[in-house]
Amino acid sequence: KKKKSSEVIMLTYTEIRYNAREYLKGKWNNPCALIILVLYLINGGLSLIPYLGSVVSFLILGPFSLGLAIVFLKLVRGEEVNVELMFAGFKDFTRSLTAGLLIFIYVFLWTLLLIIPGIIASYAYAMTFFIMADNPNISANEAIKASKEMMRGHKTDLFLLDLSFIGWILLSVLSFGIGFLWLGSYIYTANAIFYHEIRVEEASQVIIEAPYEEQTVPPPDIEE
């Protein structure tokens, strides 16, 4: 069912997926699938390097996450996208690295309690890099807090949206993983649309413009 909050009517999961396919028309192969392919090749190459590869993969997770957020936000806004944009997060390396590290630490700490709290935490922080892409002057921790507020009451919505791709995931597995090149773009685009849907609600007003500032704080609350 459509969800109404603060006089904003959320798109249904079917509508989000339909819109995602519309935005991807003419861009499935180039640049979107190409972007996912480059990402897979980089991660695959690093996985072949003992120890150091894992460290490097961990360090570049944040910058690539920000780059992908930038790419797919531009896509759903009708702007031009290209492969080079996936590296845009490296121009904001410190902030994106900090966000990736903080999210990892927070989710890890919640997972130590039980797996379910860890999953809830991961959804609470799911909009962090989209928020950072839209707000280049806020700190990593402020973006995480803003994501937590934005996702209040929407974590289940995003979980169900992700769950709706289960059939596509199975088909991609049966294609020996080749299908993930297109499915990755599909899911990222759907998540960008989801972000647009909830950012206009009152909870998204916690986003502020502020200079970057390092902060050491405990994990934000993750109440549903």
N, C-alpha and C. Protein backbone atom coordinates (compact mmCIF):
# COMPACT_ATOMS: atom_id res chain seq x y z
N LYS A 1 0.83 -1.20 0.00
CA LYS A 1 0.00 0.00 0.00
C LYS A 1 0.87 1.25 0.00
N LYS A 2 0.32 2.32 -0.54
CA LYS A 2 1.05 3.58 -0.48
C LYS A 2 1.03 4.10 0.95
N LYS A 3 2.12 4.72 1.32
CA LYS A 3 2.28 5.18 2.69
C LYS A 3 2.26 6.70 2.73
N LYS A 4 1.45 7.25 3.60
CA LYS A 4 1.35 8.69 3.70
C LYS A 4 2.00 9.16 4.98
N SER A 5 2.94 10.10 4.85
CA SER A 5 3.62 10.67 6.00
C SER A 5 3.91 12.12 5.72
N SER A 6 3.52 13.01 6.65
CA SER A 6 3.73 14.45 6.46
C SER A 6 3.17 14.91 5.12
N GLU A 7 1.99 14.36 4.76
CA GLU A 7 1.30 14.70 3.53
C GLU A 7 2.10 14.32 2.27
N VAL A 8 3.03 13.40 2.42
CA VAL A 8 3.79 12.90 1.28
C VAL A 8 3.40 11.45 1.05
N ILE A 9 3.04 11.10 -0.16
CA ILE A 9 2.63 9.74 -0.47
C ILE A 9 3.81 8.99 -1.08
N MET A 10 4.23 7.94 -0.39
CA MET A 10 5.35 7.15 -0.86
C MET A 10 4.95 6.32 -2.07
N LEU A 11 5.87 6.17 -3.00
CA LEU A 11 5.64 5.26 -4.11
C LEU A 11 5.63 3.83 -3.59
N THR A 12 4.90 2.96 -4.26
CA THR A 12 4.92 1.55 -3.91
C THR A 12 6.22 0.93 -4.42
N TYR A 13 6.52 -0.27 -3.96
CA TYR A 13 7.74 -0.96 -4.40
C TYR A 13 7.69 -1.19 -5.91
N THR A 14 6.50 -1.53 -6.41
CA THR A 14 6.35 -1.76 -7.85
C THR A 14 6.64 -0.49 -8.63
N GLU A 15 6.14 0.65 -8.12
CA GLU A 15 6.37 1.93 -8.79
C GLU A 15 7.84 2.33 -8.75
N ILE A 16 8.50 2.08 -7.63
CA ILE A 16 9.93 2.39 -7.52
C ILE A 16 10.72 1.57 -8.52
N ARG A 17 10.42 0.27 -8.62
CA ARG A 17 11.15 -0.58 -9.57
C ARG A 17 10.85 -0.17 -11.01
N TYR A 18 9.60 0.17 -11.29
CA TYR A 18 9.23 0.61 -12.64
C TYR A 18 9.99 1.89 -13.00
N ASN A 19 10.00 2.85 -12.09
CA ASN A 19 10.72 4.10 -12.34
C ASN A 19 12.21 3.85 -12.53
N ALA A 20 12.76 2.92 -11.75
CA ALA A 20 14.18 2.59 -11.89
C ALA A 20 14.48 2.08 -13.29
N ARG A 21 13.61 1.22 -13.81
CA ARG A 21 13.81 0.69 -15.17
C ARG A 21 13.70 1.82 -16.21
N GLU A 22 12.79 2.76 -15.95
CA GLU A 22 12.64 3.88 -16.88
C GLU A 22 13.89 4.75 -16.90
N TYR A 23 14.44 5.02 -15.73
CA TYR A 23 15.66 5.83 -15.66
C TYR A 23 16.84 5.12 -16.32
N LEU A 24 16.82 3.80 -16.29
CA LEU A 24 17.94 3.03 -16.83
C LEU A 24 17.84 2.79 -18.34
N LYS A 25 16.72 3.13 -18.93
CA LYS A 25 16.57 2.92 -20.38
C LYS A 25 17.69 3.62 -21.14
N GLY A 26 18.35 2.84 -21.98
CA GLY A 26 19.45 3.38 -22.77
C GLY A 26 20.75 3.48 -22.00
N LYS A 27 20.72 3.12 -20.70
CA LYS A 27 21.92 3.23 -19.89
C LYS A 27 22.26 1.91 -19.17
N TRP A 28 21.50 0.87 -19.47
CA TRP A 28 21.75 -0.42 -18.81
C TRP A 28 23.18 -0.88 -19.02
N ASN A 29 23.63 -0.86 -20.27
CA ASN A 29 24.97 -1.37 -20.57
C ASN A 29 26.06 -0.32 -20.35
N ASN A 30 25.84 0.84 -20.91
CA ASN A 30 26.82 1.91 -20.80
C ASN A 30 26.11 3.19 -20.38
N PRO A 31 26.42 3.71 -19.17
CA PRO A 31 27.59 3.35 -18.38
C PRO A 31 27.31 2.44 -17.19
N CYS A 32 26.03 2.16 -16.89
CA CYS A 32 25.69 1.54 -15.60
C CYS A 32 26.30 0.15 -15.38
N ALA A 33 26.06 -0.77 -16.30
CA ALA A 33 26.63 -2.11 -16.14
C ALA A 33 28.15 -2.04 -16.18
N LEU A 34 28.69 -1.11 -16.96
CA LEU A 34 30.13 -0.94 -17.05
C LEU A 34 30.71 -0.48 -15.71
N ILE A 35 29.97 0.39 -15.03
CA ILE A 35 30.40 0.85 -13.70
C ILE A 35 30.45 -0.30 -12.72
N ILE A 36 29.41 -1.13 -12.73
CA ILE A 36 29.37 -2.29 -11.83
C ILE A 36 30.49 -3.27 -12.19
N LEU A 37 30.74 -3.44 -13.48
CA LEU A 37 31.81 -4.34 -13.92
C LEU A 37 33.17 -3.86 -13.42
N VAL A 38 33.43 -2.56 -13.56
CA VAL A 38 34.70 -2.00 -13.09
C VAL A 38 34.85 -2.22 -11.59
N LEU A 39 33.76 -2.02 -10.86
CA LEU A 39 33.80 -2.23 -9.41
C LEU A 39 34.11 -3.68 -9.07
N TYR A 40 33.46 -4.61 -9.78
CA TYR A 40 33.72 -6.03 -9.55
C TYR A 40 35.16 -6.40 -9.87
N LEU A 41 35.69 -5.85 -10.96
CA LEU A 41 37.06 -6.17 -11.37
C LEU A 41 38.06 -5.65 -10.34
N ILE A 42 37.81 -4.46 -9.81
CA ILE A 42 38.71 -3.91 -8.80
C ILE A 42 38.68 -4.76 -7.53
N ASN A 43 37.48 -5.08 -7.08
CA ASN A 43 37.35 -5.91 -5.87
C ASN A 43 37.92 -7.31 -6.10
N GLY A 44 37.67 -7.86 -7.30
CA GLY A 44 38.19 -9.18 -7.61
C GLY A 44 39.70 -9.19 -7.65
N GLY A 45 40.29 -8.15 -8.24
CA GLY A 45 41.74 -8.06 -8.30
C GLY A 45 42.35 -7.92 -6.93
N LEU A 46 41.74 -7.12 -6.07
CA LEU A 46 42.26 -6.94 -4.72
C LEU A 46 42.14 -8.21 -3.89
N SER A 47 41.10 -9.00 -4.16
CA SER A 47 40.92 -10.24 -3.40
C SER A 47 42.02 -11.25 -3.68
N LEU A 48 42.73 -11.07 -4.78
CA LEU A 48 43.82 -11.98 -5.13
C LEU A 48 45.12 -11.63 -4.42
N ILE A 49 45.14 -10.47 -3.76
CA ILE A 49 46.34 -10.03 -3.05
C ILE A 49 46.19 -10.37 -1.58
N PRO A 50 46.98 -11.30 -1.06
CA PRO A 50 46.85 -11.72 0.35
C PRO A 50 47.03 -10.55 1.31
N TYR A 51 46.17 -10.48 2.31
CA TYR A 51 46.24 -9.51 3.40
C TYR A 51 46.09 -8.06 2.93
N LEU A 52 47.05 -7.58 2.17
CA LEU A 52 47.02 -6.18 1.73
C LEU A 52 45.77 -5.88 0.91
N GLY A 53 45.35 -6.84 0.08
CA GLY A 53 44.16 -6.64 -0.73
C GLY A 53 42.92 -6.40 0.11
N SER A 54 42.80 -7.14 1.21
CA SER A 54 41.65 -6.98 2.09
C SER A 54 41.66 -5.61 2.76
N VAL A 55 42.86 -5.16 3.16
CA VAL A 55 42.99 -3.86 3.80
C VAL A 55 42.60 -2.75 2.83
N VAL A 56 43.11 -2.83 1.60
CA VAL A 56 42.82 -1.82 0.59
C VAL A 56 41.32 -1.81 0.27
N SER A 57 40.73 -3.00 0.13
CA SER A 57 39.29 -3.10 -0.15
C SER A 57 38.48 -2.41 0.93
N PHE A 58 38.89 -2.60 2.18
CA PHE A 58 38.20 -1.98 3.31
C PHE A 58 38.33 -0.46 3.27
N LEU A 59 39.50 0.02 2.89
CA LEU A 59 39.76 1.46 2.88
C LEU A 59 39.04 2.19 1.74
N ILE A 60 38.82 1.49 0.63
CA ILE A 60 38.19 2.15 -0.52
C ILE A 60 36.67 1.95 -0.55
N LEU A 61 36.15 1.20 0.42
CA LEU A 61 34.70 0.95 0.45
C LEU A 61 33.91 2.24 0.56
N GLY A 62 34.32 3.13 1.48
CA GLY A 62 33.62 4.39 1.67
C GLY A 62 33.65 5.28 0.44
N PRO A 63 34.85 5.54 -0.13
CA PRO A 63 34.93 6.37 -1.34
C PRO A 63 34.11 5.83 -2.50
N PHE A 64 34.13 4.51 -2.71
CA PHE A 64 33.33 3.94 -3.79
C PHE A 64 31.83 4.04 -3.49
N SER A 65 31.46 3.88 -2.22
CA SER A 65 30.04 3.99 -1.84
C SER A 65 29.53 5.40 -2.12
N LEU A 66 30.37 6.40 -1.80
CA LEU A 66 29.98 7.79 -2.09
C LEU A 66 29.92 8.02 -3.60
N GLY A 67 30.89 7.46 -4.33
CA GLY A 67 30.89 7.61 -5.78
C GLY A 67 29.65 7.03 -6.42
N LEU A 68 29.23 5.84 -5.96
CA LEU A 68 28.04 5.21 -6.52
C LEU A 68 26.78 6.00 -6.15
N ALA A 69 26.75 6.56 -4.95
CA ALA A 69 25.61 7.40 -4.56
C ALA A 69 25.52 8.60 -5.48
N ILE A 70 26.65 9.22 -5.80
CA ILE A 70 26.68 10.37 -6.70
C ILE A 70 26.19 9.97 -8.09
N VAL A 71 26.67 8.83 -8.59
CA VAL A 71 26.30 8.35 -9.92
C VAL A 71 24.80 8.17 -10.04
N PHE A 72 24.21 7.42 -9.09
CA PHE A 72 22.81 7.05 -9.25
C PHE A 72 21.85 8.17 -8.83
N LEU A 73 22.31 9.10 -8.01
CA LEU A 73 21.49 10.29 -7.77
C LEU A 73 21.43 11.14 -9.03
N LYS A 74 22.55 11.29 -9.71
CA LYS A 74 22.56 12.04 -10.97
C LYS A 74 21.67 11.35 -12.00
N LEU A 75 21.71 10.01 -12.03
CA LEU A 75 20.91 9.26 -12.99
C LEU A 75 19.43 9.54 -12.80
N VAL A 76 18.94 9.47 -11.56
CA VAL A 76 17.50 9.66 -11.33
C VAL A 76 17.10 11.13 -11.42
N ARG A 77 18.10 12.02 -11.47
CA ARG A 77 17.81 13.45 -11.64
C ARG A 77 17.96 13.89 -13.09
N GLY A 78 18.18 12.91 -13.95
CA GLY A 78 18.25 13.21 -15.37
C GLY A 78 19.54 13.85 -15.81
N GLU A 79 20.60 13.74 -15.00
CA GLU A 79 21.89 14.31 -15.34
C GLU A 79 22.77 13.26 -16.02
N GLU A 80 23.78 13.72 -16.70
CA GLU A 80 24.69 12.82 -17.40
C GLU A 80 25.55 12.05 -16.39
N VAL A 81 25.72 10.77 -16.64
CA VAL A 81 26.59 9.95 -15.79
C VAL A 81 27.62 9.23 -16.66
N ASN A 82 28.77 8.96 -16.07
CA ASN A 82 29.82 8.24 -16.77
C ASN A 82 30.63 7.43 -15.78
N VAL A 83 31.51 6.59 -16.28
CA VAL A 83 32.29 5.71 -15.43
C VAL A 83 33.18 6.50 -14.47
N GLU A 84 33.71 7.62 -14.94
CA GLU A 84 34.62 8.41 -14.11
C GLU A 84 33.96 8.87 -12.81
N LEU A 85 32.65 9.05 -12.84
CA LEU A 85 31.94 9.55 -11.66
C LEU A 85 32.01 8.57 -10.48
N MET A 86 32.20 7.28 -10.76
CA MET A 86 32.24 6.32 -9.67
C MET A 86 33.46 6.54 -8.77
N PHE A 87 34.43 7.30 -9.28
CA PHE A 87 35.64 7.60 -8.50
C PHE A 87 35.53 8.96 -7.80
N ALA A 88 34.37 9.61 -7.91
CA ALA A 88 34.21 10.94 -7.33
C ALA A 88 34.39 10.95 -5.82
N GLY A 89 34.09 9.84 -5.17
CA GLY A 89 34.25 9.75 -3.72
C GLY A 89 35.68 9.91 -3.26
N PHE A 90 36.64 9.62 -4.15
CA PHE A 90 38.04 9.73 -3.77
C PHE A 90 38.47 11.19 -3.68
N LYS A 91 37.69 12.11 -4.27
CA LYS A 91 37.98 13.53 -4.14
C LYS A 91 37.57 14.03 -2.75
N ASP A 92 36.77 13.21 -2.07
CA ASP A 92 36.31 13.50 -0.71
C ASP A 92 36.72 12.32 0.17
N PHE A 93 37.99 11.95 0.04
CA PHE A 93 38.47 10.68 0.61
C PHE A 93 38.31 10.61 2.12
N THR A 94 38.75 11.65 2.82
CA THR A 94 38.73 11.60 4.29
C THR A 94 37.32 11.43 4.83
N ARG A 95 36.38 12.21 4.30
CA ARG A 95 35.00 12.15 4.77
C ARG A 95 34.35 10.81 4.44
N SER A 96 34.55 10.33 3.20
CA SER A 96 33.92 9.06 2.80
C SER A 96 34.56 7.88 3.51
N LEU A 97 35.89 7.93 3.71
CA LEU A 97 36.56 6.87 4.47
C LEU A 97 36.05 6.84 5.90
N THR A 98 35.92 8.01 6.51
CA THR A 98 35.42 8.09 7.89
C THR A 98 34.01 7.53 8.00
N ALA A 99 33.16 7.86 7.05
CA ALA A 99 31.78 7.35 7.07
C ALA A 99 31.78 5.82 6.96
N GLY A 100 32.57 5.29 6.04
CA GLY A 100 32.63 3.84 5.88
C GLY A 100 33.12 3.15 7.14
N LEU A 101 34.16 3.72 7.78
CA LEU A 101 34.70 3.14 9.00
C LEU A 101 33.70 3.20 10.15
N LEU A 102 33.05 4.37 10.30
CA LEU A 102 32.08 4.52 11.39
C LEU A 102 30.89 3.57 11.22
N ILE A 103 30.39 3.45 10.00
CA ILE A 103 29.27 2.55 9.76
C ILE A 103 29.67 1.11 10.08
N PHE A 104 30.87 0.73 9.65
CA PHE A 104 31.36 -0.63 9.94
C PHE A 104 31.42 -0.86 11.45
N ILE A 105 31.99 0.11 12.17
CA ILE A 105 32.14 -0.03 13.62
C ILE A 105 30.78 -0.10 14.30
N TYR A 106 29.87 0.81 13.92
CA TYR A 106 28.56 0.84 14.55
C TYR A 106 27.79 -0.46 14.30
N VAL A 107 27.77 -0.90 13.05
CA VAL A 107 27.04 -2.13 12.72
C VAL A 107 27.69 -3.33 13.42
N PHE A 108 29.02 -3.35 13.46
CA PHE A 108 29.73 -4.44 14.14
C PHE A 108 29.37 -4.48 15.62
N LEU A 109 29.34 -3.32 16.26
CA LEU A 109 29.02 -3.28 17.69
C LEU A 109 27.59 -3.75 17.96
N TRP A 110 26.66 -3.33 17.10
CA TRP A 110 25.29 -3.80 17.27
C TRP A 110 25.16 -5.29 17.00
N THR A 111 25.96 -5.79 16.06
CA THR A 111 25.91 -7.21 15.72
C THR A 111 26.45 -8.06 16.87
N LEU A 112 27.34 -7.48 17.67
CA LEU A 112 27.86 -8.21 18.83
C LEU A 112 26.74 -8.56 19.81
N LEU A 113 25.70 -7.71 19.83
CA LEU A 113 24.56 -7.99 20.69
C LEU A 113 23.77 -9.16 20.13
N LEU A 114 23.30 -9.00 18.90
CA LEU A 114 22.59 -10.05 18.16
C LEU A 114 22.63 -9.67 16.69
N ILE A 115 22.38 -10.64 15.80
CA ILE A 115 22.41 -10.37 14.37
C ILE A 115 21.32 -9.38 13.97
N ILE A 116 20.12 -9.53 14.54
CA ILE A 116 19.00 -8.67 14.17
C ILE A 116 19.30 -7.19 14.43
N PRO A 117 19.82 -6.81 15.62
CA PRO A 117 20.17 -5.40 15.82
C PRO A 117 21.20 -4.90 14.80
N GLY A 118 22.11 -5.79 14.39
CA GLY A 118 23.09 -5.40 13.38
C GLY A 118 22.44 -5.11 12.05
N ILE A 119 21.46 -5.92 11.67
CA ILE A 119 20.74 -5.71 10.42
C ILE A 119 19.94 -4.41 10.49
N ILE A 120 19.29 -4.18 11.62
CA ILE A 120 18.51 -2.94 11.79
C ILE A 120 19.44 -1.74 11.68
N ALA A 121 20.62 -1.84 12.29
CA ALA A 121 21.58 -0.73 12.23
C ALA A 121 22.01 -0.45 10.80
N SER A 122 22.26 -1.52 10.03
CA SER A 122 22.70 -1.33 8.65
C SER A 122 21.64 -0.58 7.83
N TYR A 123 20.37 -0.84 8.12
CA TYR A 123 19.30 -0.13 7.41
C TYR A 123 19.14 1.29 7.95
N ALA A 124 19.43 1.49 9.22
CA ALA A 124 19.35 2.83 9.79
C ALA A 124 20.35 3.77 9.13
N TYR A 125 21.51 3.23 8.76
CA TYR A 125 22.58 4.05 8.19
C TYR A 125 22.62 3.98 6.66
N ALA A 126 21.62 3.35 6.06
CA ALA A 126 21.65 3.06 4.62
C ALA A 126 21.66 4.30 3.72
N MET A 127 21.15 5.42 4.20
CA MET A 127 21.07 6.63 3.38
C MET A 127 22.28 7.56 3.56
N THR A 128 23.25 7.12 4.35
CA THR A 128 24.39 7.98 4.70
C THR A 128 25.10 8.57 3.49
N PHE A 129 25.45 7.74 2.52
CA PHE A 129 26.24 8.23 1.39
C PHE A 129 25.40 9.07 0.41
N PHE A 130 24.10 8.78 0.33
CA PHE A 130 23.22 9.65 -0.47
C PHE A 130 23.17 11.04 0.18
N ILE A 131 23.07 11.08 1.50
CA ILE A 131 23.04 12.34 2.23
C ILE A 131 24.35 13.10 2.04
N MET A 132 25.45 12.39 2.09
CA MET A 132 26.76 13.01 1.90
C MET A 132 26.90 13.57 0.49
N ALA A 133 26.34 12.85 -0.48
CA ALA A 133 26.41 13.32 -1.87
C ALA A 133 25.64 14.63 -2.03
N ASP A 134 24.54 14.78 -1.31
CA ASP A 134 23.73 15.99 -1.39
C ASP A 134 24.23 17.11 -0.47
N ASN A 135 25.02 16.74 0.54
CA ASN A 135 25.47 17.71 1.54
C ASN A 135 26.98 17.60 1.74
N PRO A 136 27.76 18.16 0.84
CA PRO A 136 29.22 17.99 0.89
C PRO A 136 29.90 18.65 2.07
N ASN A 137 29.17 19.49 2.84
CA ASN A 137 29.81 20.21 3.94
C ASN A 137 29.51 19.64 5.32
N ILE A 138 28.70 18.57 5.40
CA ILE A 138 28.45 17.99 6.72
C ILE A 138 29.44 16.87 6.97
N SER A 139 29.70 16.60 8.22
CA SER A 139 30.67 15.56 8.57
C SER A 139 30.09 14.17 8.36
N ALA A 140 30.96 13.19 8.38
CA ALA A 140 30.53 11.81 8.21
C ALA A 140 29.55 11.41 9.31
N ASN A 141 29.86 11.77 10.54
CA ASN A 141 29.00 11.38 11.64
C ASN A 141 27.65 12.09 11.59
N GLU A 142 27.65 13.35 11.13
CA GLU A 142 26.37 14.07 10.97
C GLU A 142 25.52 13.40 9.90
N ALA A 143 26.16 12.91 8.84
CA ALA A 143 25.41 12.22 7.79
C ALA A 143 24.82 10.91 8.31
N ILE A 144 25.57 10.22 9.15
CA ILE A 144 25.08 8.98 9.74
C ILE A 144 23.88 9.26 10.65
N LYS A 145 24.00 10.32 11.45
CA LYS A 145 22.88 10.69 12.32
C LYS A 145 21.65 11.09 11.50
N ALA A 146 21.89 11.83 10.40
CA ALA A 146 20.78 12.24 9.54
C ALA A 146 20.12 11.04 8.90
N SER A 147 20.91 10.04 8.51
CA SER A 147 20.36 8.81 7.93
C SER A 147 19.50 8.09 8.95
N LYS A 148 19.99 8.04 10.17
CA LYS A 148 19.25 7.37 11.24
C LYS A 148 17.89 8.03 11.46
N GLU A 149 17.87 9.39 11.42
CA GLU A 149 16.61 10.10 11.58
C GLU A 149 15.71 9.92 10.35
N MET A 150 16.31 10.01 9.16
CA MET A 150 15.55 9.86 7.93
C MET A 150 14.90 8.49 7.82
N MET A 151 15.60 7.46 8.32
CA MET A 151 15.12 6.08 8.19
C MET A 151 14.19 5.67 9.33
N ARG A 152 13.94 6.58 10.26
CA ARG A 152 13.02 6.25 11.36
C ARG A 152 11.65 5.93 10.78
N GLY A 153 11.20 4.71 10.98
CA GLY A 153 9.92 4.28 10.44
C GLY A 153 9.98 3.80 9.00
N HIS A 154 11.18 3.83 8.39
CA HIS A 154 11.31 3.41 6.98
C HIS A 154 12.27 2.23 6.78
N LYS A 155 12.85 1.76 7.87
CA LYS A 155 13.81 0.65 7.73
C LYS A 155 13.13 -0.60 7.16
N THR A 156 11.92 -0.87 7.64
CA THR A 156 11.18 -2.02 7.11
C THR A 156 10.82 -1.81 5.64
N ASP A 157 10.49 -0.58 5.26
CA ASP A 157 10.16 -0.26 3.87
C ASP A 157 11.34 -0.62 2.95
N LEU A 158 12.54 -0.19 3.35
CA LEU A 158 13.71 -0.45 2.52
C LEU A 158 14.05 -1.94 2.50
N PHE A 159 13.87 -2.59 3.65
CA PHE A 159 14.12 -4.04 3.71
C PHE A 159 13.20 -4.78 2.75
N LEU A 160 11.92 -4.41 2.72
CA LEU A 160 10.97 -5.07 1.84
C LEU A 160 11.26 -4.75 0.37
N LEU A 161 11.72 -3.52 0.11
CA LEU A 161 12.11 -3.17 -1.26
C LEU A 161 13.27 -4.06 -1.70
N ASP A 162 14.27 -4.20 -0.84
CA ASP A 162 15.41 -5.07 -1.16
C ASP A 162 14.95 -6.51 -1.35
N LEU A 163 14.03 -6.94 -0.49
CA LEU A 163 13.53 -8.31 -0.56
C LEU A 163 12.80 -8.57 -1.87
N SER A 164 12.21 -7.53 -2.44
CA SER A 164 11.45 -7.69 -3.69
C SER A 164 12.35 -8.04 -4.87
N PHE A 165 13.65 -7.90 -4.68
CA PHE A 165 14.60 -8.25 -5.76
C PHE A 165 15.08 -9.70 -5.67
N ILE A 166 14.54 -10.48 -4.74
CA ILE A 166 15.04 -11.83 -4.50
C ILE A 166 14.98 -12.70 -5.75
N GLY A 167 13.90 -12.55 -6.53
CA GLY A 167 13.78 -13.34 -7.76
C GLY A 167 14.87 -12.98 -8.75
N TRP A 168 15.17 -11.68 -8.88
CA TRP A 168 16.23 -11.24 -9.78
C TRP A 168 17.59 -11.72 -9.29
N ILE A 169 17.76 -11.77 -7.98
CA ILE A 169 19.03 -12.26 -7.42
C ILE A 169 19.24 -13.73 -7.77
N LEU A 170 18.17 -14.52 -7.65
CA LEU A 170 18.27 -15.95 -7.98
C LEU A 170 18.59 -16.13 -9.45
N LEU A 171 17.95 -15.33 -10.32
CA LEU A 171 18.24 -15.42 -11.76
C LEU A 171 19.69 -15.04 -12.05
N SER A 172 20.19 -14.04 -11.33
CA SER A 172 21.57 -13.61 -11.53
C SER A 172 22.55 -14.69 -11.09
N VAL A 173 22.22 -15.39 -10.02
CA VAL A 173 23.06 -16.50 -9.57
C VAL A 173 23.08 -17.60 -10.62
N LEU A 174 21.91 -17.90 -11.19
CA LEU A 174 21.82 -18.95 -12.21
C LEU A 174 22.56 -18.57 -13.49
N SER A 175 22.79 -17.27 -13.69
CA SER A 175 23.53 -16.81 -14.87
C SER A 175 25.03 -16.79 -14.60
N PHE A 176 25.44 -17.49 -13.53
CA PHE A 176 26.85 -17.54 -13.13
C PHE A 176 27.38 -16.16 -12.74
N GLY A 177 26.48 -15.34 -12.21
CA GLY A 177 26.88 -14.03 -11.70
C GLY A 177 26.86 -12.91 -12.72
N ILE A 178 26.71 -13.24 -14.00
CA ILE A 178 26.73 -12.21 -15.04
C ILE A 178 25.58 -11.23 -14.87
N GLY A 179 24.43 -11.76 -14.45
CA GLY A 179 23.24 -10.91 -14.29
C GLY A 179 23.41 -9.81 -13.26
N PHE A 180 24.37 -9.98 -12.33
CA PHE A 180 24.56 -8.98 -11.29
C PHE A 180 25.08 -7.65 -11.87
N LEU A 181 25.66 -7.70 -13.07
CA LEU A 181 26.12 -6.46 -13.69
C LEU A 181 24.96 -5.52 -13.94
N TRP A 182 23.80 -6.07 -14.30
CA TRP A 182 22.61 -5.26 -14.55
C TRP A 182 21.77 -5.12 -13.28
N LEU A 183 21.73 -6.17 -12.48
CA LEU A 183 20.94 -6.11 -11.25
C LEU A 183 21.51 -5.08 -10.28
N GLY A 184 22.83 -4.96 -10.23
CA GLY A 184 23.45 -3.97 -9.36
C GLY A 184 22.97 -2.57 -9.66
N SER A 185 22.93 -2.23 -10.96
CA SER A 185 22.44 -0.91 -11.38
C SER A 185 20.98 -0.73 -11.01
N TYR A 186 20.20 -1.78 -11.20
CA TYR A 186 18.76 -1.77 -10.92
C TYR A 186 18.52 -1.46 -9.44
N ILE A 187 19.25 -2.16 -8.56
CA ILE A 187 19.06 -1.98 -7.13
C ILE A 187 19.55 -0.60 -6.67
N TYR A 188 20.71 -0.17 -7.16
CA TYR A 188 21.23 1.14 -6.79
C TYR A 188 20.26 2.25 -7.21
N THR A 189 19.70 2.12 -8.43
CA THR A 189 18.77 3.14 -8.91
C THR A 189 17.50 3.15 -8.06
N ALA A 190 16.99 1.98 -7.71
CA ALA A 190 15.81 1.89 -6.86
C ALA A 190 16.07 2.52 -5.50
N ASN A 191 17.26 2.31 -4.96
CA ASN A 191 17.60 2.89 -3.66
C ASN A 191 17.73 4.41 -3.74
N ALA A 192 18.23 4.91 -4.88
CA ALA A 192 18.31 6.37 -5.06
C ALA A 192 16.91 6.97 -5.11
N ILE A 193 15.98 6.28 -5.77
CA ILE A 193 14.59 6.75 -5.82
C ILE A 193 13.98 6.71 -4.42
N PHE A 194 14.25 5.64 -3.69
CA PHE A 194 13.75 5.51 -2.32
C PHE A 194 14.24 6.68 -1.47
N TYR A 195 15.51 7.03 -1.62
CA TYR A 195 16.08 8.17 -0.90
C TYR A 195 15.33 9.45 -1.22
N HIS A 196 15.05 9.66 -2.51
CA HIS A 196 14.31 10.85 -2.92
C HIS A 196 12.92 10.88 -2.30
N GLU A 197 12.32 9.71 -2.16
CA GLU A 197 10.97 9.64 -1.62
C GLU A 197 10.91 10.06 -0.15
N ILE A 198 11.92 9.67 0.62
CA ILE A 198 11.85 9.94 2.06
C ILE A 198 12.56 11.23 2.46
N ARG A 199 13.41 11.77 1.60
CA ARG A 199 14.17 12.97 1.97
C ARG A 199 13.29 14.20 2.11
N VAL A 200 12.10 14.17 1.49
CA VAL A 200 11.23 15.34 1.54
C VAL A 200 10.33 15.35 2.77
N GLU A 201 10.40 14.27 3.55
CA GLU A 201 9.57 14.22 4.75
C GLU A 201 10.23 14.99 5.90
N GLU A 202 9.51 15.21 6.95
CA GLU A 202 9.99 16.02 8.06
C GLU A 202 11.27 15.48 8.68
N ALA A 203 11.40 14.15 8.72
CA ALA A 203 12.59 13.57 9.34
C ALA A 203 13.86 13.97 8.64
N SER A 204 13.79 14.26 7.34
CA SER A 204 14.98 14.61 6.58
C SER A 204 15.46 16.02 6.88
N GLN A 205 14.68 16.80 7.63
CA GLN A 205 15.07 18.17 7.93
C GLN A 205 16.21 18.25 8.94
N VAL A 206 16.65 17.08 9.48
CA VAL A 206 17.79 17.09 10.40
C VAL A 206 19.08 17.32 9.64
N ILE A 207 19.07 17.20 8.31
CA ILE A 207 20.26 17.42 7.53
C ILE A 207 20.63 18.90 7.59
N ILE A 208 21.87 19.18 7.91
CA ILE A 208 22.31 20.57 8.00
C ILE A 208 23.61 20.74 7.25
N GLU A 209 23.91 21.96 6.93
CA GLU A 209 25.19 22.29 6.32
C GLU A 209 26.13 22.70 7.45
N ALA A 210 27.26 22.00 7.59
CA ALA A 210 28.21 22.32 8.65
C ALA A 210 29.59 21.89 8.21
N PRO A 211 30.63 22.55 8.69
CA PRO A 211 31.99 22.16 8.31
C PRO A 211 32.33 20.78 8.83
N TYR A 212 33.22 20.10 8.12
CA TYR A 212 33.64 18.76 8.55
C TYR A 212 34.34 18.85 9.89
N GLU A 213 34.00 17.89 10.77
CA GLU A 213 34.62 17.87 12.08
C GLU A 213 34.68 16.43 12.55
N GLU A 214 35.87 15.97 12.93
CA GLU A 214 36.05 14.61 13.43
C GLU A 214 35.29 14.47 14.74
N GLN A 215 34.58 13.36 14.92
CA GLN A 215 33.87 13.13 16.16
C GLN A 215 33.99 11.67 16.53
N THR A 216 34.18 11.42 17.83
CA THR A 216 34.21 10.06 18.32
C THR A 216 33.02 9.90 19.24
N VAL A 217 32.04 9.14 18.80
CA VAL A 217 30.81 9.01 19.56
C VAL A 217 30.35 7.57 19.52
N PRO A 218 29.50 7.16 20.47
CA PRO A 218 28.94 5.81 20.44
C PRO A 218 27.94 5.70 19.31
N PRO A 219 27.58 4.48 18.91
CA PRO A 219 26.61 4.30 17.82
C PRO A 219 25.31 5.01 18.12
N PRO A 220 24.73 5.71 17.13
CA PRO A 220 23.40 6.32 17.33
C PRO A 220 22.36 5.26 17.64
N ASP A 221 21.29 5.66 18.33
CA ASP A 221 20.20 4.73 18.59
C ASP A 221 19.63 4.25 17.27
N ILE A 222 19.06 3.04 17.25
CA ILE A 222 18.52 2.49 16.01
C ILE A 222 17.09 2.04 16.19
N GLU A 223 16.35 2.76 17.05
CA GLU A 223 14.97 2.33 17.29
C GLU A 223 14.17 2.40 16.02
N GLU A 224 13.26 1.47 15.87
CA GLU A 224 12.41 1.39 14.67
C GLU A 224 11.40 2.50 14.69
